[in-house]
N, C-alpha and C. Protein backbone atom coordinates (compact mmCIF):
# COMPACT_ATOMS: atom_id res chain seq x y z
N MET A 1 -39.71 -117.41 -190.77
CA MET A 1 -40.12 -118.15 -189.81
C MET A 1 -40.19 -117.04 -188.33
N ILE A 2 -39.78 -115.56 -188.67
CA ILE A 2 -40.17 -115.34 -187.24
C ILE A 2 -41.57 -114.64 -186.95
N TRP A 3 -42.49 -114.75 -187.88
CA TRP A 3 -42.97 -114.43 -187.99
C TRP A 3 -44.15 -115.24 -187.17
N PHE A 4 -43.81 -116.86 -187.29
CA PHE A 4 -44.33 -118.18 -186.76
C PHE A 4 -43.77 -117.83 -185.42
N ILE A 5 -42.62 -117.46 -185.29
CA ILE A 5 -42.20 -116.99 -184.01
C ILE A 5 -43.24 -116.62 -182.79
N ALA A 6 -43.02 -115.03 -183.83
CA ALA A 6 -43.59 -113.69 -183.14
C ALA A 6 -45.17 -113.90 -182.47
N ALA A 7 -45.76 -115.03 -183.39
CA ALA A 7 -47.50 -115.50 -183.69
C ALA A 7 -47.54 -116.43 -182.21
N ALA A 8 -46.37 -117.28 -182.04
CA ALA A 8 -46.60 -118.34 -181.06
C ALA A 8 -46.75 -118.07 -179.73
N VAL A 9 -45.29 -117.22 -179.85
CA VAL A 9 -45.54 -116.05 -178.32
C VAL A 9 -46.44 -115.59 -178.36
N TRP A 10 -46.75 -114.49 -178.75
CA TRP A 10 -47.92 -114.26 -178.90
C TRP A 10 -49.40 -114.68 -178.29
N GLY A 11 -49.07 -115.92 -179.12
CA GLY A 11 -50.79 -116.56 -178.32
C GLY A 11 -50.61 -117.60 -176.85
N VAL A 12 -48.96 -118.05 -176.80
CA VAL A 12 -48.86 -117.99 -175.27
C VAL A 12 -48.97 -117.00 -174.00
N ALA A 13 -48.33 -116.11 -174.73
CA ALA A 13 -48.38 -114.91 -173.71
C ALA A 13 -49.94 -114.22 -173.60
N GLU A 14 -50.52 -114.25 -174.49
CA GLU A 14 -52.28 -113.80 -174.28
C GLU A 14 -52.72 -114.62 -173.92
N ALA A 15 -52.63 -115.87 -174.28
CA ALA A 15 -53.84 -117.21 -172.92
C ALA A 15 -53.13 -117.70 -171.84
N SER A 16 -52.03 -116.71 -171.27
CA SER A 16 -52.11 -117.00 -170.39
C SER A 16 -51.88 -115.32 -169.19
N LEU A 17 -51.16 -114.53 -169.46
CA LEU A 17 -50.77 -113.27 -168.08
C LEU A 17 -51.23 -111.95 -169.54
N PHE A 18 -50.94 -111.93 -170.61
CA PHE A 18 -51.00 -110.91 -171.18
C PHE A 18 -51.74 -110.39 -171.50
N PHE A 19 -52.14 -108.75 -171.96
CA PHE A 19 -53.73 -108.16 -172.10
C PHE A 19 -53.82 -107.69 -173.31
N ILE A 20 -52.69 -108.29 -174.90
CA ILE A 20 -52.87 -107.62 -176.10
C ILE A 20 -53.41 -109.19 -176.85
N VAL A 21 -54.37 -108.87 -177.21
CA VAL A 21 -54.78 -109.86 -178.37
C VAL A 21 -53.64 -109.86 -179.26
N PRO A 22 -53.56 -111.55 -179.35
CA PRO A 22 -52.23 -112.18 -181.04
C PRO A 22 -53.29 -111.40 -182.80
N ASP A 23 -54.33 -111.35 -182.49
CA ASP A 23 -54.82 -110.56 -183.51
C ASP A 23 -54.25 -109.69 -183.85
N VAL A 24 -53.76 -109.09 -183.43
CA VAL A 24 -52.85 -107.43 -183.67
C VAL A 24 -51.62 -108.07 -185.02
N ILE A 25 -51.02 -109.08 -184.20
CA ILE A 25 -50.23 -109.06 -185.41
C ILE A 25 -50.25 -110.47 -186.74
N LEU A 26 -52.03 -111.40 -186.18
CA LEU A 26 -51.80 -111.88 -188.09
C LEU A 26 -52.68 -110.66 -188.46
N THR A 27 -53.13 -109.56 -187.65
CA THR A 27 -53.72 -108.68 -189.11
C THR A 27 -52.99 -107.94 -189.58
N TYR A 28 -51.61 -107.48 -188.75
CA TYR A 28 -50.81 -106.76 -188.90
C TYR A 28 -50.18 -107.88 -190.56
N ALA A 29 -50.04 -108.71 -190.12
CA ALA A 29 -48.60 -109.71 -191.36
C ALA A 29 -49.74 -110.24 -192.15
N THR A 30 -51.50 -109.69 -192.36
CA THR A 30 -52.20 -110.35 -193.26
C THR A 30 -52.26 -108.87 -194.16
N VAL A 31 -52.25 -107.71 -193.34
CA VAL A 31 -51.98 -106.41 -194.36
C VAL A 31 -50.64 -106.91 -194.86
N ARG A 32 -49.56 -107.27 -194.67
CA ARG A 32 -48.94 -106.79 -194.80
C ARG A 32 -48.35 -108.03 -196.30
N HIS A 33 -48.58 -109.83 -195.39
CA HIS A 33 -48.68 -110.66 -196.72
C HIS A 33 -49.29 -111.16 -196.83
N GLY A 34 -50.39 -111.03 -196.77
CA GLY A 34 -52.14 -111.67 -197.35
C GLY A 34 -52.58 -112.57 -196.83
N ALA A 35 -53.52 -112.78 -197.26
CA ALA A 35 -54.99 -113.47 -195.84
C ALA A 35 -53.86 -115.56 -195.89
N ARG A 36 -53.44 -115.51 -196.97
CA ARG A 36 -53.28 -116.99 -196.80
C ARG A 36 -51.97 -117.00 -195.61
N ALA A 37 -51.46 -115.64 -195.41
CA ALA A 37 -50.23 -115.49 -194.67
C ALA A 37 -50.78 -115.39 -193.30
N GLY A 38 -51.95 -115.31 -192.86
CA GLY A 38 -52.64 -114.18 -191.83
C GLY A 38 -52.97 -115.86 -191.64
N LEU A 39 -53.92 -116.34 -192.12
CA LEU A 39 -54.27 -117.49 -191.71
C LEU A 39 -53.58 -118.98 -191.35
N LYS A 40 -52.24 -118.62 -192.10
CA LYS A 40 -51.11 -120.00 -191.57
C LYS A 40 -50.67 -119.62 -189.80
N LEU A 41 -50.46 -117.96 -190.14
CA LEU A 41 -49.63 -117.61 -188.22
C LEU A 41 -51.64 -118.07 -187.42
N ALA A 42 -52.38 -118.01 -187.77
CA ALA A 42 -53.49 -118.54 -187.30
C ALA A 42 -53.00 -119.23 -186.82
N VAL A 43 -53.38 -120.79 -187.38
CA VAL A 43 -53.27 -122.30 -187.17
C VAL A 43 -52.39 -122.10 -185.78
N VAL A 44 -50.69 -121.08 -186.02
CA VAL A 44 -49.45 -121.36 -184.89
C VAL A 44 -50.45 -120.99 -183.77
N THR A 45 -50.71 -120.02 -183.81
CA THR A 45 -51.61 -118.75 -182.68
C THR A 45 -52.51 -119.71 -181.89
N ALA A 46 -53.28 -120.35 -182.80
CA ALA A 46 -54.45 -120.88 -181.91
C ALA A 46 -53.51 -122.42 -181.09
N THR A 47 -52.65 -122.96 -182.17
CA THR A 47 -52.39 -124.42 -181.53
C THR A 47 -51.51 -123.35 -180.11
N ALA A 48 -50.70 -122.98 -180.28
CA ALA A 48 -49.99 -122.28 -178.85
C ALA A 48 -51.31 -121.49 -177.94
N ALA A 49 -51.85 -121.07 -178.37
CA ALA A 49 -53.06 -120.96 -177.30
C ALA A 49 -53.51 -121.87 -176.99
N ALA A 50 -54.35 -122.88 -177.34
CA ALA A 50 -54.71 -123.72 -177.18
C ALA A 50 -53.98 -124.95 -176.03
N VAL A 51 -52.33 -124.97 -176.23
CA VAL A 51 -51.33 -125.71 -175.44
C VAL A 51 -51.29 -124.88 -174.02
N THR A 52 -51.18 -123.47 -174.02
CA THR A 52 -51.40 -122.34 -172.94
C THR A 52 -52.25 -123.02 -172.48
N GLY A 53 -54.11 -122.85 -172.94
CA GLY A 53 -55.20 -122.65 -172.23
C GLY A 53 -54.89 -124.50 -170.95
N VAL A 54 -54.32 -125.12 -172.08
CA VAL A 54 -54.31 -126.50 -171.33
C VAL A 54 -53.60 -126.60 -169.42
N ALA A 55 -52.59 -126.08 -169.87
CA ALA A 55 -51.89 -125.37 -169.10
C ALA A 55 -52.51 -124.48 -167.65
N MET A 56 -53.35 -123.55 -168.37
CA MET A 56 -54.27 -122.67 -167.37
C MET A 56 -55.30 -123.80 -166.91
N TRP A 57 -55.69 -124.36 -167.07
CA TRP A 57 -56.96 -125.74 -166.85
C TRP A 57 -56.38 -126.04 -165.71
N PHE A 58 -55.14 -126.19 -165.80
CA PHE A 58 -54.31 -127.20 -164.62
C PHE A 58 -54.05 -126.44 -163.97
N TRP A 59 -54.01 -124.98 -163.73
CA TRP A 59 -53.81 -124.03 -162.94
C TRP A 59 -54.57 -124.03 -162.38
N GLY A 60 -56.07 -124.09 -162.84
CA GLY A 60 -57.66 -123.38 -162.56
C GLY A 60 -58.17 -124.50 -161.92
N ARG A 61 -57.65 -125.84 -161.73
CA ARG A 61 -57.93 -126.91 -161.34
C ARG A 61 -57.03 -127.27 -160.07
N LEU A 62 -55.65 -127.02 -159.80
CA LEU A 62 -54.47 -127.30 -159.29
C LEU A 62 -54.65 -126.28 -157.86
N ASP A 63 -54.96 -124.96 -158.66
CA ASP A 63 -55.12 -123.56 -157.66
C ASP A 63 -56.09 -123.06 -157.42
N PRO A 64 -57.58 -123.06 -158.13
CA PRO A 64 -58.37 -122.15 -158.25
C PRO A 64 -58.20 -120.60 -158.07
N VAL A 65 -58.05 -120.60 -156.91
CA VAL A 65 -58.40 -119.17 -155.81
C VAL A 65 -56.92 -118.77 -155.87
N GLY A 66 -55.60 -118.96 -156.19
CA GLY A 66 -54.69 -118.83 -156.59
C GLY A 66 -54.43 -118.10 -157.75
N ALA A 67 -55.48 -118.87 -159.52
CA ALA A 67 -55.88 -118.34 -160.43
C ALA A 67 -56.52 -117.36 -160.25
N ARG A 68 -57.39 -117.68 -159.83
CA ARG A 68 -58.27 -116.68 -159.64
C ARG A 68 -57.50 -115.08 -159.84
N GLN A 69 -56.75 -115.29 -158.50
CA GLN A 69 -56.31 -113.60 -157.80
C GLN A 69 -55.24 -113.46 -158.98
N ILE A 70 -54.71 -113.73 -159.38
CA ILE A 70 -53.19 -113.89 -160.07
C ILE A 70 -53.94 -113.24 -161.86
N MET A 71 -55.26 -113.67 -161.84
CA MET A 71 -56.07 -113.03 -163.12
C MET A 71 -57.00 -111.78 -162.85
N LEU A 72 -56.76 -111.60 -161.75
CA LEU A 72 -57.81 -110.66 -161.27
C LEU A 72 -56.61 -109.58 -161.38
N MET A 73 -54.78 -109.27 -161.61
CA MET A 73 -54.51 -108.83 -161.77
C MET A 73 -54.18 -107.90 -162.92
N VAL A 74 -54.91 -108.83 -164.16
CA VAL A 74 -54.26 -108.71 -165.39
C VAL A 74 -55.54 -107.29 -165.66
N PRO A 75 -55.17 -106.50 -166.67
CA PRO A 75 -55.99 -104.76 -166.88
C PRO A 75 -57.11 -105.66 -167.57
N ALA A 76 -57.77 -105.05 -166.84
CA ALA A 76 -59.57 -104.45 -167.40
C ALA A 76 -59.85 -106.09 -166.69
N ILE A 77 -59.72 -107.31 -166.38
CA ILE A 77 -60.31 -107.96 -165.93
C ILE A 77 -61.17 -108.16 -164.44
N GLY A 78 -62.13 -108.01 -164.03
CA GLY A 78 -62.87 -107.91 -163.05
C GLY A 78 -63.80 -109.03 -162.67
N PRO A 79 -64.25 -108.95 -161.07
CA PRO A 79 -64.99 -110.30 -161.27
C PRO A 79 -66.19 -110.41 -161.35
N ASP A 80 -66.69 -109.08 -162.53
CA ASP A 80 -67.73 -110.30 -163.29
C ASP A 80 -67.48 -110.26 -164.57
N LEU A 81 -65.88 -110.41 -165.36
CA LEU A 81 -66.17 -111.67 -165.96
C LEU A 81 -66.30 -112.27 -165.73
N PHE A 82 -65.50 -113.03 -164.55
CA PHE A 82 -65.42 -114.43 -163.62
C PHE A 82 -66.91 -115.12 -163.43
N ALA A 83 -67.80 -114.37 -163.00
CA ALA A 83 -68.50 -114.89 -163.47
C ALA A 83 -70.34 -115.17 -164.75
N ARG A 84 -69.11 -114.56 -165.21
CA ARG A 84 -69.17 -114.56 -166.52
C ARG A 84 -69.24 -116.43 -167.26
N THR A 85 -67.76 -115.98 -167.13
CA THR A 85 -67.24 -117.55 -167.30
C THR A 85 -67.67 -118.41 -166.74
N THR A 86 -67.68 -118.39 -165.84
CA THR A 86 -68.05 -119.62 -164.73
C THR A 86 -70.05 -120.01 -165.03
N ARG A 87 -70.85 -118.58 -165.46
CA ARG A 87 -72.43 -119.30 -165.90
C ARG A 87 -72.17 -120.10 -167.19
N GLU A 88 -70.92 -119.45 -168.07
CA GLU A 88 -71.20 -119.92 -169.54
C GLU A 88 -70.45 -121.32 -169.91
N MET A 89 -69.03 -121.29 -168.88
CA MET A 89 -68.59 -122.97 -168.62
C MET A 89 -70.27 -124.06 -167.91
N ALA A 90 -70.72 -123.59 -167.08
CA ALA A 90 -71.47 -124.67 -167.32
C ALA A 90 -72.69 -124.72 -167.69
N GLY A 91 -72.70 -124.20 -169.01
CA GLY A 91 -73.27 -123.95 -170.32
C GLY A 91 -73.36 -124.72 -171.17
N PHE A 92 -73.82 -124.09 -171.98
CA PHE A 92 -73.25 -124.97 -173.27
C PHE A 92 -72.07 -124.46 -173.60
N TRP A 93 -70.60 -124.82 -173.11
CA TRP A 93 -69.71 -123.78 -173.11
C TRP A 93 -68.59 -123.80 -174.24
N PRO A 94 -69.18 -124.97 -175.28
CA PRO A 94 -68.16 -124.37 -176.56
C PRO A 94 -68.79 -123.55 -177.15
N LEU A 95 -69.73 -123.52 -177.16
CA LEU A 95 -70.64 -122.11 -177.95
C LEU A 95 -70.25 -120.85 -177.12
N ASN A 96 -70.38 -120.98 -175.78
CA ASN A 96 -69.81 -119.85 -174.92
C ASN A 96 -68.47 -119.58 -175.28
N LEU A 97 -67.52 -120.20 -175.36
CA LEU A 97 -66.68 -120.18 -175.26
C LEU A 97 -65.77 -119.78 -176.56
N THR A 98 -66.93 -119.97 -178.16
CA THR A 98 -66.69 -119.35 -179.24
C THR A 98 -67.02 -117.90 -179.03
N ILE A 99 -67.98 -117.46 -178.67
CA ILE A 99 -68.45 -116.47 -178.18
C ILE A 99 -67.86 -115.75 -177.75
N GLY A 100 -67.53 -115.75 -176.85
CA GLY A 100 -66.90 -115.01 -175.19
C GLY A 100 -65.70 -114.24 -176.40
N ALA A 101 -64.98 -115.37 -177.29
CA ALA A 101 -63.88 -114.75 -177.92
C ALA A 101 -64.31 -113.55 -178.95
N VAL A 102 -65.43 -113.42 -179.24
CA VAL A 102 -65.23 -112.39 -180.30
C VAL A 102 -66.32 -110.83 -179.16
N THR A 103 -66.66 -111.22 -178.20
CA THR A 103 -66.81 -110.45 -177.02
C THR A 103 -66.38 -109.76 -175.61
N GLY A 104 -64.99 -110.42 -176.33
CA GLY A 104 -64.33 -109.33 -174.94
C GLY A 104 -64.06 -110.26 -173.93
N VAL A 105 -64.05 -110.93 -174.30
CA VAL A 105 -63.96 -112.33 -172.45
C VAL A 105 -62.61 -113.11 -172.98
N PRO A 106 -61.64 -112.42 -171.87
CA PRO A 106 -60.21 -113.33 -172.31
C PRO A 106 -60.25 -115.32 -172.11
N TYR A 107 -59.60 -115.27 -173.03
CA TYR A 107 -59.14 -116.41 -173.30
C TYR A 107 -59.05 -117.75 -172.07
N LYS A 108 -58.54 -116.81 -171.13
CA LYS A 108 -57.54 -117.45 -169.81
C LYS A 108 -58.28 -117.40 -168.93
N LEU A 109 -59.82 -116.63 -168.88
CA LEU A 109 -60.66 -117.05 -168.02
C LEU A 109 -61.59 -118.06 -168.48
N TYR A 110 -61.87 -118.47 -169.66
CA TYR A 110 -62.38 -119.63 -170.09
C TYR A 110 -61.60 -121.06 -168.99
N ALA A 111 -60.41 -120.94 -169.32
CA ALA A 111 -59.28 -121.97 -168.94
C ALA A 111 -59.27 -122.36 -167.82
N VAL A 112 -58.70 -120.72 -166.80
CA VAL A 112 -58.40 -121.79 -164.96
C VAL A 112 -60.18 -121.32 -165.11
N THR A 113 -61.44 -120.75 -165.39
CA THR A 113 -62.27 -121.93 -165.29
C THR A 113 -63.15 -122.84 -165.38
N ALA A 114 -62.63 -123.41 -166.78
CA ALA A 114 -62.99 -124.84 -166.74
C ALA A 114 -62.75 -125.55 -165.83
N GLY A 115 -60.96 -125.76 -165.67
CA GLY A 115 -59.88 -125.92 -165.48
C GLY A 115 -60.91 -126.48 -163.39
N ALA A 116 -61.06 -125.37 -163.40
CA ALA A 116 -61.24 -125.57 -162.05
C ALA A 116 -63.18 -126.00 -161.65
N LEU A 117 -63.76 -126.21 -162.68
CA LEU A 117 -65.02 -127.18 -162.83
C LEU A 117 -64.90 -128.24 -162.97
N GLY A 118 -63.85 -128.90 -163.48
CA GLY A 118 -63.60 -130.08 -164.30
C GLY A 118 -63.99 -130.11 -165.18
N VAL A 119 -64.68 -129.36 -165.94
CA VAL A 119 -64.59 -129.64 -167.35
C VAL A 119 -63.33 -130.68 -168.30
N PRO A 120 -63.86 -131.97 -168.80
CA PRO A 120 -62.86 -132.51 -169.65
C PRO A 120 -61.27 -131.80 -170.10
N VAL A 121 -60.75 -132.09 -169.92
CA VAL A 121 -59.29 -131.09 -170.40
C VAL A 121 -58.86 -131.94 -171.87
N ALA A 122 -59.30 -132.70 -172.47
CA ALA A 122 -59.47 -133.11 -174.02
C ALA A 122 -60.30 -132.38 -174.96
N TRP A 123 -61.71 -132.32 -174.37
CA TRP A 123 -62.59 -131.69 -174.74
C TRP A 123 -62.70 -130.23 -174.83
N PHE A 124 -61.66 -129.53 -173.76
CA PHE A 124 -61.52 -128.11 -173.65
C PHE A 124 -60.36 -127.64 -174.47
N ALA A 125 -59.51 -128.49 -174.92
CA ALA A 125 -57.74 -128.23 -175.47
C ALA A 125 -58.87 -128.34 -176.99
N ILE A 126 -60.01 -129.22 -178.08
CA ILE A 126 -60.55 -129.43 -178.46
C ILE A 126 -60.63 -128.18 -178.73
N ALA A 127 -62.00 -127.84 -178.21
CA ALA A 127 -63.07 -126.63 -177.94
C ALA A 127 -61.80 -125.05 -178.01
N SER A 128 -60.99 -125.27 -177.69
CA SER A 128 -60.05 -124.04 -177.07
C SER A 128 -59.82 -123.59 -178.79
N TYR A 129 -59.37 -124.85 -179.11
CA TYR A 129 -58.35 -124.69 -180.30
C TYR A 129 -59.23 -124.01 -182.06
N VAL A 130 -60.75 -124.10 -182.21
CA VAL A 130 -61.69 -124.15 -182.48
C VAL A 130 -61.74 -122.71 -182.68
N ALA A 131 -62.16 -122.52 -181.82
CA ALA A 131 -62.67 -121.50 -180.73
C ALA A 131 -61.28 -119.82 -181.02
N ARG A 132 -60.22 -120.26 -181.27
CA ARG A 132 -58.78 -119.55 -181.25
C ARG A 132 -59.12 -119.37 -182.17
N PHE A 133 -58.75 -120.34 -183.31
CA PHE A 133 -58.85 -120.10 -185.04
C PHE A 133 -59.91 -119.82 -185.39
N LEU A 134 -60.98 -119.69 -184.95
CA LEU A 134 -62.58 -119.19 -185.75
C LEU A 134 -62.16 -118.04 -185.09
N ARG A 135 -61.98 -117.44 -183.91
CA ARG A 135 -61.95 -115.57 -184.00
C ARG A 135 -60.79 -115.09 -184.29
N PHE A 136 -59.82 -116.10 -184.66
CA PHE A 136 -58.44 -115.09 -185.47
C PHE A 136 -58.74 -115.58 -187.03
N ALA A 137 -59.60 -116.11 -187.69
CA ALA A 137 -59.96 -116.26 -189.29
C ALA A 137 -61.24 -115.31 -189.20
N PHE A 138 -61.93 -114.66 -187.93
CA PHE A 138 -62.97 -113.78 -188.27
C PHE A 138 -61.92 -112.39 -188.03
N SER A 139 -61.38 -112.28 -187.41
CA SER A 139 -60.38 -110.43 -187.09
C SER A 139 -59.75 -110.67 -188.93
N ILE A 140 -59.07 -111.63 -189.40
CA ILE A 140 -57.98 -111.65 -190.32
C ILE A 140 -59.19 -111.31 -191.92
N GLY A 141 -60.91 -112.06 -191.45
CA GLY A 141 -61.25 -112.27 -192.84
C GLY A 141 -62.07 -110.21 -192.88
N LEU A 142 -62.00 -109.83 -191.21
CA LEU A 142 -62.20 -107.73 -191.46
C LEU A 142 -61.16 -107.30 -191.96
N THR A 143 -60.30 -107.71 -191.69
CA THR A 143 -59.20 -107.12 -192.41
C THR A 143 -58.51 -107.37 -193.95
N VAL A 144 -58.81 -107.99 -194.53
CA VAL A 144 -59.44 -108.59 -195.75
C VAL A 144 -59.88 -107.05 -196.35
N ALA A 145 -61.33 -107.38 -196.14
CA ALA A 145 -62.45 -107.01 -196.20
C ALA A 145 -61.96 -105.67 -196.41
N ALA A 146 -61.23 -104.75 -195.29
CA ALA A 146 -60.92 -103.26 -194.69
C ALA A 146 -59.98 -103.45 -196.24
N VAL A 147 -59.19 -104.14 -196.60
CA VAL A 147 -57.55 -103.65 -197.27
C VAL A 147 -58.18 -103.58 -198.46
N GLU A 148 -59.61 -104.98 -198.96
CA GLU A 148 -59.96 -104.19 -200.11
C GLU A 148 -60.99 -103.30 -200.51
N ALA A 149 -61.42 -102.48 -199.28
CA ALA A 149 -62.30 -101.67 -199.16
C ALA A 149 -61.57 -100.13 -199.98
N LEU A 150 -60.32 -100.19 -198.89
CA LEU A 150 -59.17 -99.61 -199.29
C LEU A 150 -58.97 -99.19 -200.58
N ASP A 151 -58.14 -100.63 -201.36
CA ASP A 151 -57.72 -100.43 -202.14
C ASP A 151 -58.79 -99.90 -203.70
N HIS A 152 -59.83 -100.33 -203.02
CA HIS A 152 -61.05 -100.11 -203.70
C HIS A 152 -61.69 -98.50 -204.12
N MET A 153 -60.95 -97.82 -203.08
CA MET A 153 -61.05 -96.49 -203.18
C MET A 153 -59.99 -95.63 -203.43
N GLY A 154 -59.01 -96.21 -204.23
CA GLY A 154 -57.31 -95.64 -204.40
C GLY A 154 -56.85 -94.70 -203.10
N LEU A 155 -57.00 -96.21 -201.89
CA LEU A 155 -56.24 -95.78 -200.59
C LEU A 155 -54.93 -96.38 -199.85
N SER A 156 -55.17 -97.41 -201.22
CA SER A 156 -54.14 -98.52 -200.47
C SER A 156 -52.67 -98.42 -198.99
N ARG A 157 -52.75 -96.83 -199.63
CA ARG A 157 -51.01 -96.87 -198.57
C ARG A 157 -51.63 -96.21 -197.14
N TRP A 158 -52.84 -96.03 -196.73
CA TRP A 158 -53.41 -96.00 -195.73
C TRP A 158 -53.86 -97.29 -195.07
N ARG A 159 -53.56 -98.31 -195.78
CA ARG A 159 -53.78 -99.49 -194.84
C ARG A 159 -53.21 -99.73 -193.42
N TYR A 160 -51.93 -99.45 -193.63
CA TYR A 160 -51.30 -99.60 -192.09
C TYR A 160 -51.80 -98.12 -191.16
N HIS A 161 -52.21 -96.92 -191.49
CA HIS A 161 -52.36 -95.82 -191.14
C HIS A 161 -54.00 -96.87 -189.88
N VAL A 162 -54.80 -96.98 -191.22
CA VAL A 162 -55.95 -98.03 -190.64
C VAL A 162 -56.03 -98.65 -189.92
N LEU A 163 -55.19 -99.63 -189.91
CA LEU A 163 -55.58 -101.17 -189.48
C LEU A 163 -54.71 -100.37 -187.66
N THR A 164 -53.68 -99.73 -187.33
CA THR A 164 -53.24 -98.91 -186.69
C THR A 164 -54.35 -98.36 -185.67
N ALA A 165 -54.95 -97.17 -186.44
CA ALA A 165 -55.75 -96.62 -185.55
C ALA A 165 -57.28 -97.56 -185.20
N GLY A 166 -57.78 -98.55 -186.03
CA GLY A 166 -58.51 -99.58 -185.58
C GLY A 166 -58.28 -99.66 -184.15
N TRP A 167 -56.84 -100.47 -184.30
CA TRP A 167 -56.47 -101.47 -183.14
C TRP A 167 -56.39 -100.36 -181.98
N VAL A 168 -55.96 -98.80 -181.88
CA VAL A 168 -56.25 -97.97 -180.77
C VAL A 168 -57.31 -97.89 -180.60
N ILE A 169 -58.43 -97.74 -181.49
CA ILE A 169 -59.90 -97.85 -181.40
C ILE A 169 -60.33 -98.45 -180.16
N LEU A 170 -60.36 -99.41 -181.22
CA LEU A 170 -60.77 -100.85 -180.31
C LEU A 170 -60.23 -100.83 -178.89
N TYR A 171 -58.85 -100.82 -178.78
CA TYR A 171 -58.69 -100.85 -176.72
C TYR A 171 -59.05 -99.40 -175.99
N ALA A 172 -59.01 -98.55 -176.86
CA ALA A 172 -59.05 -97.26 -176.26
C ALA A 172 -60.65 -97.57 -175.96
N VAL A 173 -61.69 -97.81 -176.30
CA VAL A 173 -62.95 -97.90 -176.05
C VAL A 173 -63.82 -99.56 -175.18
N TYR A 174 -62.70 -100.42 -175.01
CA TYR A 174 -62.60 -101.64 -174.76
C TYR A 174 -61.83 -101.55 -172.42
N PHE A 175 -61.00 -100.64 -173.01
CA PHE A 175 -60.65 -100.48 -171.48
C PHE A 175 -61.55 -99.59 -170.80
N THR A 176 -61.83 -98.40 -171.85
CA THR A 176 -62.67 -97.41 -171.30
C THR A 176 -64.63 -98.14 -170.59
N LEU A 177 -64.94 -98.89 -171.12
CA LEU A 177 -65.82 -100.12 -171.21
C LEU A 177 -65.66 -100.79 -169.52
N ARG A 178 -64.61 -101.55 -169.62
CA ARG A 178 -64.38 -102.11 -168.97
C ARG A 178 -63.35 -101.16 -167.35
N ALA A 179 -63.23 -99.89 -167.20
CA ALA A 179 -62.97 -98.71 -165.95
C ALA A 179 -63.77 -99.29 -164.99
N GLY A 180 -63.37 -99.72 -164.54
CA GLY A 180 -64.26 -99.92 -162.70
C GLY A 180 -64.10 -101.34 -162.42
N LYS A 181 -64.70 -102.13 -163.90
CA LYS A 181 -64.61 -103.37 -163.44
C LYS A 181 -63.48 -104.43 -163.40
N GLY A 182 -62.73 -103.57 -163.77
CA GLY A 182 -61.56 -104.33 -163.63
C GLY A 182 -60.39 -104.01 -162.74
């Protein structure tokens, strides 16, 4: 039960103001309990994130300037990401929302931008859930592949070390690339 609560809370936090993705807890749970457990948590996390995304949509709709100012205070978020989300939400936004989820654009920006642009909230909620779940499932799939590769090489005891190193490297690269833009 604690895993579900933690995953839901992390989904809410990252969809609003937190900057570390819930994939961290989902991949850790996958290493510890397997892909099935990771995917169950992904359902909970995607649901929590999508519900929070609707709240963020309303914030962007009711106070676009205030929402933008607060978002710009989140680490690694800069005006360039808002420009990108504005362009992408004006295009085929469900696909762009899904692609953005794996290319380093925080979901929260899509949510406040969607509200500011008047994207229908019901459609945004549905697309949000799908985009978040697909991203989480992708992370879980990569984790399963890495665990299987380590097991195949006889390095099972290194699972958590490799997972931790992977997240540290990913965030080090991301924050280095975002330096000066956020």
